[in-house]
Amino acid sequence: MEKAAKGAAEGTTKAILDWASDKIPGFVKKFRDREIAFIQDKKNIEIVKTERASDEYKTLCQYVPKGPLPLLIQMGLALRQIEKSKGSVKELKDKIIGKYGRSGLHIAELVQIGIVTQLLTRQMRIFGNHADIQKRLTSFLEKAEELALFIKREDIERVNRMKELVVTRVDNNPTGMVILFGSGYAKLVVLKILKKIRVDEREYPIEVQDEQYQITGFVFAPELKEKLTHWSDTLAEPKRAVKPK
């Protein structure tokens, strides 16, 4: 009797496991598809879905916690794929803002321009501990609003004001760094802002990554000049004292 009961239990367990192996992947796919349904545009949805299979997405997602960050990484990679289609980019960015706000969009944009992957690659080279890498990468993404300025073409009318905004942020940011990004016409605006900063008597160190279509500028606190070997070094340093506001 016990033997028969044991056999029946084992049979039930096997049946459940067989059912789960067939059904669970489908449930996961449906759940993921529901997560991106807010995008609405079918072409953008398909592009976002394809990024789940990319090596960059799989690598980045190993080092961020569950929640909105994996999806925002996916969105950022999708933005990179469609960046030459202004209409599709605007449509997807508007949807991201509606769902996750400006801070969410800025996280996606940092992924789009490759800064997040640069940071992860650097951290993996320095730290062998998964928890340390995850902590730094997650902290960087959560501080996107403080660390990054996405320059627009309209900012050409306020270059002096943008220059002062950048140095004020650098002076008052515990990391001692601000990232400027511009693409298309805004690339010229970034260059004008950086030119103003270069002639500032306080001598802010600047690092530039200039690509054909986009530019990324890193502006650092003057006291960090002799310490920097890579733009992300400030993220691993102990927090610096900031100037009183």
C-alpha atoms as a PDB file:
ATOM      1  CA  MET A   1       0.000   0.000   0.000  1.00  0.00           C
ATOM      2  CA  GLU A   2       2.763   2.424   0.975  1.00  0.00           C
ATOM      3  CA  LYS A   3       4.669   1.435  -2.128  1.00  0.00           C
ATOM      4  CA  ALA A   4       1.638   2.154  -4.304  1.00  0.00           C
ATOM      5  CA  ALA A   5       1.088   5.524  -2.607  1.00  0.00           C
ATOM      6  CA  LYS A   6       4.743   6.422  -3.086  1.00  0.00           C
ATOM      7  CA  GLY A   7       4.530   5.467  -6.740  1.00  0.00           C
ATOM      8  CA  ALA A   8       1.413   7.562  -7.210  1.00  0.00           C
ATOM      9  CA  ALA A   9       3.063  10.555  -5.525  1.00  0.00           C
ATOM     10  CA  GLU A  10       6.136  10.243  -7.722  1.00  0.00           C
ATOM     11  CA  GLY A  11       3.916  10.000 -10.770  1.00  0.00           C
ATOM     12  CA  THR A  12       2.043  13.144  -9.739  1.00  0.00           C
ATOM     13  CA  THR A  13       5.288  15.018  -9.121  1.00  0.00           C
ATOM     14  CA  LYS A  14       6.653  13.996 -12.527  1.00  0.00           C
ATOM     15  CA  ALA A  15       3.425  15.077 -14.208  1.00  0.00           C
ATOM     16  CA  ILE A  16       3.594  18.483 -12.479  1.00  0.00           C
ATOM     17  CA  LEU A  17       7.237  18.957 -13.475  1.00  0.00           C
ATOM     18  CA  ASP A  18       6.512  17.936 -17.058  1.00  0.00           C
ATOM     19  CA  TRP A  19       3.592  20.380 -17.151  1.00  0.00           C
ATOM     20  CA  ALA A  20       5.713  23.141 -15.652  1.00  0.00           C
ATOM     21  CA  SER A  21       8.537  22.618 -18.144  1.00  0.00           C
ATOM     22  CA  ASP A  22       6.006  23.043 -20.954  1.00  0.00           C
ATOM     23  CA  LYS A  23       3.941  25.890 -19.532  1.00  0.00           C
ATOM     24  CA  ILE A  24       6.242  28.125 -17.453  1.00  0.00           C
ATOM     25  CA  PRO A  25       8.322  29.464 -20.380  1.00  0.00           C
ATOM     26  CA  GLY A  26       5.050  30.483 -22.028  1.00  0.00           C
ATOM     27  CA  PHE A  27       3.868  32.233 -18.855  1.00  0.00           C
ATOM     28  CA  VAL A  28       7.204  34.086 -18.577  1.00  0.00           C
ATOM     29  CA  LYS A  29       6.967  35.210 -22.202  1.00  0.00           C
ATOM     30  CA  LYS A  30       3.398  36.444 -21.718  1.00  0.00           C
ATOM     31  CA  PHE A  31       4.403  38.312 -18.557  1.00  0.00           C
ATOM     32  CA  ARG A  32       7.342  39.960 -20.339  1.00  0.00           C
ATOM     33  CA  ASP A  33       5.120  40.883 -23.268  1.00  0.00           C
ATOM     34  CA  ARG A  34       2.624  42.493 -20.876  1.00  0.00           C
ATOM     35  CA  GLU A  35       5.471  44.522 -19.357  1.00  0.00           C
ATOM     36  CA  ILE A  36       6.150  46.212 -22.692  1.00  0.00           C
ATOM     37  CA  ALA A  37       2.556  46.469 -23.917  1.00  0.00           C
ATOM     38  CA  PHE A  38       2.519  50.148 -22.877  1.00  0.00           C
ATOM     39  CA  ILE A  39       4.806  50.900 -25.853  1.00  0.00           C
ATOM     40  CA  GLN A  40       1.845  50.253 -28.181  1.00  0.00           C
ATOM     41  CA  ASP A  41       3.742  50.814 -31.436  1.00  0.00           C
ATOM     42  CA  LYS A  42       4.133  47.318 -32.938  1.00  0.00           C
ATOM     43  CA  LYS A  43       7.483  47.960 -34.614  1.00  0.00           C
ATOM     44  CA  ASN A  44       9.008  49.338 -31.432  1.00  0.00           C
ATOM     45  CA  ILE A  45       7.588  46.459 -29.391  1.00  0.00           C
ATOM     46  CA  GLU A  46       9.226  43.926 -31.706  1.00  0.00           C
ATOM     47  CA  ILE A  47      12.584  45.723 -31.556  1.00  0.00           C
ATOM     48  CA  VAL A  48      12.434  45.892 -27.757  1.00  0.00           C
ATOM     49  CA  LYS A  49      11.587  42.170 -27.614  1.00  0.00           C
ATOM     50  CA  THR A  50      14.560  41.207 -29.800  1.00  0.00           C
ATOM     51  CA  GLU A  51      16.954  42.909 -27.361  1.00  0.00           C
ATOM     52  CA  ARG A  52      16.174  40.225 -24.755  1.00  0.00           C
ATOM     53  CA  ALA A  53      18.316  37.849 -26.787  1.00  0.00           C
ATOM     54  CA  SER A  54      21.301  40.206 -27.140  1.00  0.00           C
ATOM     55  CA  ASP A  55      24.543  39.390 -25.334  1.00  0.00           C
ATOM     56  CA  GLU A  56      24.798  42.958 -24.026  1.00  0.00           C
ATOM     57  CA  TYR A  57      21.365  42.746 -22.412  1.00  0.00           C
ATOM     58  CA  LYS A  58      22.092  39.351 -20.847  1.00  0.00           C
ATOM     59  CA  THR A  59      25.405  40.578 -19.436  1.00  0.00           C
ATOM     60  CA  LEU A  60      24.075  43.850 -18.019  1.00  0.00           C
ATOM     61  CA  CYS A  61      21.068  42.172 -16.440  1.00  0.00           C
ATOM     62  CA  GLN A  62      23.310  39.870 -14.421  1.00  0.00           C
ATOM     63  CA  TYR A  63      24.367  42.922 -12.419  1.00  0.00           C
ATOM     64  CA  VAL A  64      21.121  44.768 -11.723  1.00  0.00           C
ATOM     65  CA  PRO A  65      18.325  43.790  -9.328  1.00  0.00           C
ATOM     66  CA  LYS A  66      14.854  42.749 -10.415  1.00  0.00           C
ATOM     67  CA  GLY A  67      12.438  45.593 -11.024  1.00  0.00           C
ATOM     68  CA  PRO A  68      12.410  48.352 -13.653  1.00  0.00           C
ATOM     69  CA  LEU A  69      16.158  48.397 -14.396  1.00  0.00           C
ATOM     70  CA  PRO A  70      16.274  45.294 -16.652  1.00  0.00           C
ATOM     71  CA  LEU A  71      13.389  46.659 -18.711  1.00  0.00           C
ATOM     72  CA  LEU A  72      14.992  50.112 -18.958  1.00  0.00           C
ATOM     73  CA  ILE A  73      18.202  48.438 -20.144  1.00  0.00           C
ATOM     74  CA  GLN A  74      16.152  46.677 -22.809  1.00  0.00           C
ATOM     75  CA  MET A  75      14.600  50.006 -23.824  1.00  0.00           C
ATOM     76  CA  GLY A  76      18.016  51.668 -24.024  1.00  0.00           C
ATOM     77  CA  LEU A  77      19.355  48.981 -26.340  1.00  0.00           C
ATOM     78  CA  ALA A  78      16.228  49.333 -28.491  1.00  0.00           C
ATOM     79  CA  LEU A  79      16.750  53.127 -28.690  1.00  0.00           C
ATOM     80  CA  ARG A  80      20.235  52.447 -30.030  1.00  0.00           C
ATOM     81  CA  GLN A  81      18.792  50.231 -32.764  1.00  0.00           C
ATOM     82  CA  ILE A  82      16.278  52.826 -33.945  1.00  0.00           C
ATOM     83  CA  GLU A  83      18.275  56.013 -33.277  1.00  0.00           C
ATOM     84  CA  LYS A  84      18.316  57.002 -36.980  1.00  0.00           C
ATOM     85  CA  SER A  85      14.520  56.984 -37.105  1.00  0.00           C
ATOM     86  CA  LYS A  86      13.527  60.201 -35.323  1.00  0.00           C
ATOM     87  CA  GLY A  87       9.829  59.379 -35.293  1.00  0.00           C
ATOM     88  CA  SER A  88      10.319  55.949 -33.720  1.00  0.00           C
ATOM     89  CA  VAL A  89      12.781  57.347 -31.184  1.00  0.00           C
ATOM     90  CA  LYS A  90      10.389  60.097 -30.108  1.00  0.00           C
ATOM     91  CA  GLU A  91       7.519  57.612 -29.846  1.00  0.00           C
ATOM     92  CA  LEU A  92       9.501  55.227 -27.646  1.00  0.00           C
ATOM     93  CA  LYS A  93      10.999  57.996 -25.484  1.00  0.00           C
ATOM     94  CA  ASP A  94       7.552  59.473 -24.863  1.00  0.00           C
ATOM     95  CA  LYS A  95       6.291  56.063 -23.742  1.00  0.00           C
ATOM     96  CA  ILE A  96       9.261  55.597 -21.399  1.00  0.00           C
ATOM     97  CA  ILE A  97       8.666  59.028 -19.846  1.00  0.00           C
ATOM     98  CA  GLY A  98       4.966  58.233 -19.409  1.00  0.00           C
ATOM     99  CA  LYS A  99       5.771  54.979 -17.616  1.00  0.00           C
ATOM    100  CA  TYR A 100       9.028  55.700 -15.767  1.00  0.00           C
ATOM    101  CA  GLY A 101       9.462  59.484 -15.844  1.00  0.00           C
ATOM    102  CA  ARG A 102      12.472  61.498 -16.963  1.00  0.00           C
ATOM    103  CA  SER A 103      14.798  59.582 -14.646  1.00  0.00           C
ATOM    104  CA  GLY A 104      13.782  56.324 -16.329  1.00  0.00           C
ATOM    105  CA  LEU A 105      14.417  57.814 -19.764  1.00  0.00           C
ATOM    106  CA  HIS A 106      17.867  58.999 -18.717  1.00  0.00           C
ATOM    107  CA  ILE A 107      18.791  55.507 -17.521  1.00  0.00           C
ATOM    108  CA  ALA A 108      17.693  54.120 -20.900  1.00  0.00           C
ATOM    109  CA  GLU A 109      19.687  56.824 -22.696  1.00  0.00           C
ATOM    110  CA  LEU A 110      22.854  56.019 -20.725  1.00  0.00           C
ATOM    111  CA  VAL A 111      22.456  52.422 -21.880  1.00  0.00           C
ATOM    112  CA  GLN A 112      21.799  53.611 -25.422  1.00  0.00           C
ATOM    113  CA  ILE A 113      25.052  55.577 -25.694  1.00  0.00           C
ATOM    114  CA  GLY A 114      27.104  52.703 -24.291  1.00  0.00           C
ATOM    115  CA  ILE A 115      28.184  54.375 -21.051  1.00  0.00           C
ATOM    116  CA  VAL A 116      26.627  51.673 -18.859  1.00  0.00           C
ATOM    117  CA  THR A 117      28.399  48.876 -20.711  1.00  0.00           C
ATOM    118  CA  GLN A 118      31.686  50.820 -20.481  1.00  0.00           C
ATOM    119  CA  LEU A 119      31.214  51.121 -16.731  1.00  0.00           C
ATOM    120  CA  LEU A 120      30.387  47.436 -16.298  1.00  0.00           C
ATOM    121  CA  THR A 121      33.393  46.352 -18.370  1.00  0.00           C
ATOM    122  CA  ARG A 122      35.672  48.535 -16.255  1.00  0.00           C
ATOM    123  CA  GLN A 123      34.188  47.329 -12.964  1.00  0.00           C
ATOM    124  CA  MET A 124      34.459  43.672 -14.016  1.00  0.00           C
ATOM    125  CA  ARG A 125      38.142  44.248 -14.726  1.00  0.00           C
ATOM    126  CA  ILE A 126      38.753  45.807 -11.306  1.00  0.00           C
ATOM    127  CA  PHE A 127      36.437  43.855  -9.008  1.00  0.00           C
ATOM    128  CA  GLY A 128      36.051  40.090  -8.959  1.00  0.00           C
ATOM    129  CA  ASN A 129      33.117  40.180  -6.570  1.00  0.00           C
ATOM    130  CA  HIS A 130      29.678  40.082  -8.206  1.00  0.00           C
ATOM    131  CA  ALA A 131      28.059  41.946  -5.282  1.00  0.00           C
ATOM    132  CA  ASP A 132      30.565  44.844  -5.528  1.00  0.00           C
ATOM    133  CA  ILE A 133      30.000  45.206  -9.257  1.00  0.00           C
ATOM    134  CA  GLN A 134      26.222  45.106  -8.863  1.00  0.00           C
ATOM    135  CA  LYS A 135      26.324  47.712  -6.096  1.00  0.00           C
ATOM    136  CA  ARG A 136      28.334  50.187  -8.183  1.00  0.00           C
ATOM    137  CA  LEU A 137      26.408  49.652 -11.395  1.00  0.00           C
ATOM    138  CA  THR A 138      23.029  49.960  -9.666  1.00  0.00           C
ATOM    139  CA  SER A 139      24.163  53.060  -7.768  1.00  0.00           C
ATOM    140  CA  PHE A 140      25.291  54.678 -11.026  1.00  0.00           C
ATOM    141  CA  LEU A 141      21.942  54.003 -12.715  1.00  0.00           C
ATOM    142  CA  GLU A 142      19.948  55.261  -9.742  1.00  0.00           C
ATOM    143  CA  LYS A 143      21.981  58.502  -9.735  1.00  0.00           C
ATOM    144  CA  ALA A 144      21.495  59.128 -13.462  1.00  0.00           C
ATOM    145  CA  GLU A 145      19.599  62.372 -12.820  1.00  0.00           C
ATOM    146  CA  GLU A 146      22.478  63.802 -10.777  1.00  0.00           C
ATOM    147  CA  LEU A 147      25.304  62.556 -12.981  1.00  0.00           C
ATOM    148  CA  ALA A 148      24.095  63.135 -16.527  1.00  0.00           C
ATOM    149  CA  LEU A 149      22.968  66.121 -18.581  1.00  0.00           C
ATOM    150  CA  PHE A 150      21.398  65.378 -21.954  1.00  0.00           C
ATOM    151  CA  ILE A 151      22.021  68.472 -24.042  1.00  0.00           C
ATOM    152  CA  LYS A 152      19.434  69.573 -26.613  1.00  0.00           C
ATOM    153  CA  ARG A 153      19.862  71.762 -29.691  1.00  0.00           C
ATOM    154  CA  GLU A 154      17.817  74.519 -27.994  1.00  0.00           C
ATOM    155  CA  ASP A 155      20.565  74.823 -25.376  1.00  0.00           C
ATOM    156  CA  ILE A 156      22.629  76.732 -27.949  1.00  0.00           C
ATOM    157  CA  GLU A 157      20.758  79.822 -26.700  1.00  0.00           C
ATOM    158  CA  ARG A 158      22.027  79.318 -23.140  1.00  0.00           C
ATOM    159  CA  VAL A 159      25.567  77.973 -23.430  1.00  0.00           C
ATOM    160  CA  ASN A 160      26.894  80.222 -20.637  1.00  0.00           C
ATOM    161  CA  ARG A 161      24.096  79.181 -18.309  1.00  0.00           C
ATOM    162  CA  MET A 162      24.651  75.485 -19.133  1.00  0.00           C
ATOM    163  CA  LYS A 163      28.363  75.872 -18.450  1.00  0.00           C
ATOM    164  CA  GLU A 164      27.600  77.278 -14.982  1.00  0.00           C
ATOM    165  CA  LEU A 165      25.085  74.483 -14.359  1.00  0.00           C
ATOM    166  CA  VAL A 166      27.731  71.864 -15.181  1.00  0.00           C
ATOM    167  CA  VAL A 167      30.444  73.276 -12.907  1.00  0.00           C
ATOM    168  CA  THR A 168      27.945  73.836 -10.083  1.00  0.00           C
ATOM    169  CA  ARG A 169      26.877  70.208 -10.317  1.00  0.00           C
ATOM    170  CA  VAL A 170      30.484  69.028 -10.387  1.00  0.00           C
ATOM    171  CA  ASP A 171      31.309  71.134  -7.320  1.00  0.00           C
ATOM    172  CA  ASN A 172      28.297  69.819  -5.408  1.00  0.00           C
ATOM    173  CA  ASN A 173      28.216  66.200  -6.520  1.00  0.00           C
ATOM    174  CA  PRO A 174      29.862  63.716  -4.113  1.00  0.00           C
ATOM    175  CA  THR A 175      31.340  61.840  -7.086  1.00  0.00           C
ATOM    176  CA  GLY A 176      32.954  65.013  -8.444  1.00  0.00           C
ATOM    177  CA  MET A 177      31.790  64.234 -11.970  1.00  0.00           C
ATOM    178  CA  VAL A 178      29.102  65.208 -14.494  1.00  0.00           C
ATOM    179  CA  ILE A 179      28.472  63.582 -17.877  1.00  0.00           C
ATOM    180  CA  LEU A 180      27.259  65.643 -20.859  1.00  0.00           C
ATOM    181  CA  PHE A 181      25.784  63.964 -23.886  1.00  0.00           C
ATOM    182  CA  GLY A 182      24.609  65.333 -27.212  1.00  0.00           C
ATOM    183  CA  SER A 183      23.761  63.864 -30.590  1.00  0.00           C
ATOM    184  CA  GLY A 184      23.118  65.411 -33.983  1.00  0.00           C
ATOM    185  CA  TYR A 185      23.088  69.219 -33.784  1.00  0.00           C
ATOM    186  CA  ALA A 186      23.354  69.014 -29.974  1.00  0.00           C
ATOM    187  CA  LYS A 187      26.888  67.675 -30.430  1.00  0.00           C
ATOM    188  CA  LEU A 188      27.948  71.193 -31.418  1.00  0.00           C
ATOM    189  CA  VAL A 189      26.257  72.579 -28.297  1.00  0.00           C
ATOM    190  CA  VAL A 190      28.184  70.151 -26.057  1.00  0.00           C
ATOM    191  CA  LEU A 191      31.452  71.242 -27.680  1.00  0.00           C
ATOM    192  CA  LYS A 192      30.627  74.912 -27.028  1.00  0.00           C
ATOM    193  CA  ILE A 193      29.822  74.187 -23.362  1.00  0.00           C
ATOM    194  CA  LEU A 194      33.055  72.207 -22.924  1.00  0.00           C
ATOM    195  CA  LYS A 195      35.032  75.036 -24.546  1.00  0.00           C
ATOM    196  CA  LYS A 196      33.667  77.438 -21.916  1.00  0.00           C
ATOM    197  CA  ILE A 197      34.577  75.021 -19.136  1.00  0.00           C
ATOM    198  CA  ARG A 198      38.115  74.527 -20.479  1.00  0.00           C
ATOM    199  CA  VAL A 199      38.947  78.203 -20.077  1.00  0.00           C
ATOM    200  CA  ASP A 200      37.560  78.373 -16.531  1.00  0.00           C
ATOM    201  CA  GLU A 201      40.347  79.426 -14.164  1.00  0.00           C
ATOM    202  CA  ARG A 202      39.539  76.532 -11.824  1.00  0.00           C
ATOM    203  CA  GLU A 203      40.823  74.107 -14.506  1.00  0.00           C
ATOM    204  CA  TYR A 204      38.220  71.346 -14.529  1.00  0.00           C
ATOM    205  CA  PRO A 205      39.613  68.137 -16.073  1.00  0.00           C
ATOM    206  CA  ILE A 206      37.641  67.042 -19.137  1.00  0.00           C
ATOM    207  CA  GLU A 207      37.506  63.729 -20.998  1.00  0.00           C
ATOM    208  CA  VAL A 208      35.738  63.479 -24.362  1.00  0.00           C
ATOM    209  CA  GLN A 209      34.437  60.536 -26.357  1.00  0.00           C
ATOM    210  CA  ASP A 210      33.689  61.925 -29.803  1.00  0.00           C
ATOM    211  CA  GLU A 211      31.886  59.714 -32.277  1.00  0.00           C
ATOM    212  CA  GLN A 212      30.536  60.540 -35.689  1.00  0.00           C
ATOM    213  CA  TYR A 213      26.951  61.118 -34.602  1.00  0.00           C
ATOM    214  CA  GLN A 214      27.289  61.780 -30.876  1.00  0.00           C
ATOM    215  CA  ILE A 215      29.615  63.126 -28.223  1.00  0.00           C
ATOM    216  CA  THR A 216      30.010  62.389 -24.533  1.00  0.00           C
ATOM    217  CA  GLY A 217      31.921  64.739 -22.266  1.00  0.00           C
ATOM    218  CA  PHE A 218      33.044  63.980 -18.706  1.00  0.00           C
ATOM    219  CA  VAL A 219      33.785  66.946 -16.466  1.00  0.00           C
ATOM    220  CA  PHE A 220      35.570  66.365 -13.148  1.00  0.00           C
ATOM    221  CA  ALA A 221      36.325  68.310  -9.986  1.00  0.00           C
ATOM    222  CA  PRO A 222      39.745  70.060 -10.164  1.00  0.00           C
ATOM    223  CA  GLU A 223      41.150  68.149  -7.172  1.00  0.00           C
ATOM    224  CA  LEU A 224      40.667  64.833  -9.008  1.00  0.00           C
ATOM    225  CA  LYS A 225      42.995  65.778 -11.853  1.00  0.00           C
ATOM    226  CA  GLU A 226      45.969  63.681 -10.717  1.00  0.00           C
ATOM    227  CA  LYS A 227      43.899  60.682  -9.618  1.00  0.00           C
ATOM    228  CA  LEU A 228      41.973  59.784 -12.770  1.00  0.00           C
ATOM    229  CA  THR A 229      42.843  56.876 -15.041  1.00  0.00           C
ATOM    230  CA  HIS A 230      39.271  56.296 -16.291  1.00  0.00           C
ATOM    231  CA  TRP A 231      36.087  58.361 -16.100  1.00  0.00           C
ATOM    232  CA  SER A 232      34.420  55.807 -13.801  1.00  0.00           C
ATOM    233  CA  ASP A 233      37.184  55.941 -11.159  1.00  0.00           C
ATOM    234  CA  THR A 234      35.261  58.573  -9.193  1.00  0.00           C
ATOM    235  CA  LEU A 235      32.409  56.109  -8.640  1.00  0.00           C
ATOM    236  CA  ALA A 236      34.694  53.763  -6.729  1.00  0.00           C
ATOM    237  CA  GLU A 237      36.306  56.488  -4.628  1.00  0.00           C
ATOM    238  CA  PRO A 238      35.116  57.389  -1.105  1.00  0.00           C
ATOM    239  CA  LYS A 239      32.561  60.205  -1.273  1.00  0.00           C
ATOM    240  CA  ARG A 240      34.234  63.592  -1.431  1.00  0.00           C
ATOM    241  CA  ALA A 241      33.127  66.574   0.626  1.00  0.00           C
ATOM    242  CA  VAL A 242      31.008  69.012  -1.344  1.00  0.00           C
ATOM    243  CA  LYS A 243      30.962  72.757  -1.190  1.00  0.00           C
ATOM    244  CA  PRO A 244      28.257  74.337   0.973  1.00  0.00           C
ATOM    245  CA  LYS A 245      25.305  75.548  -1.090  1.00  0.00           C
END
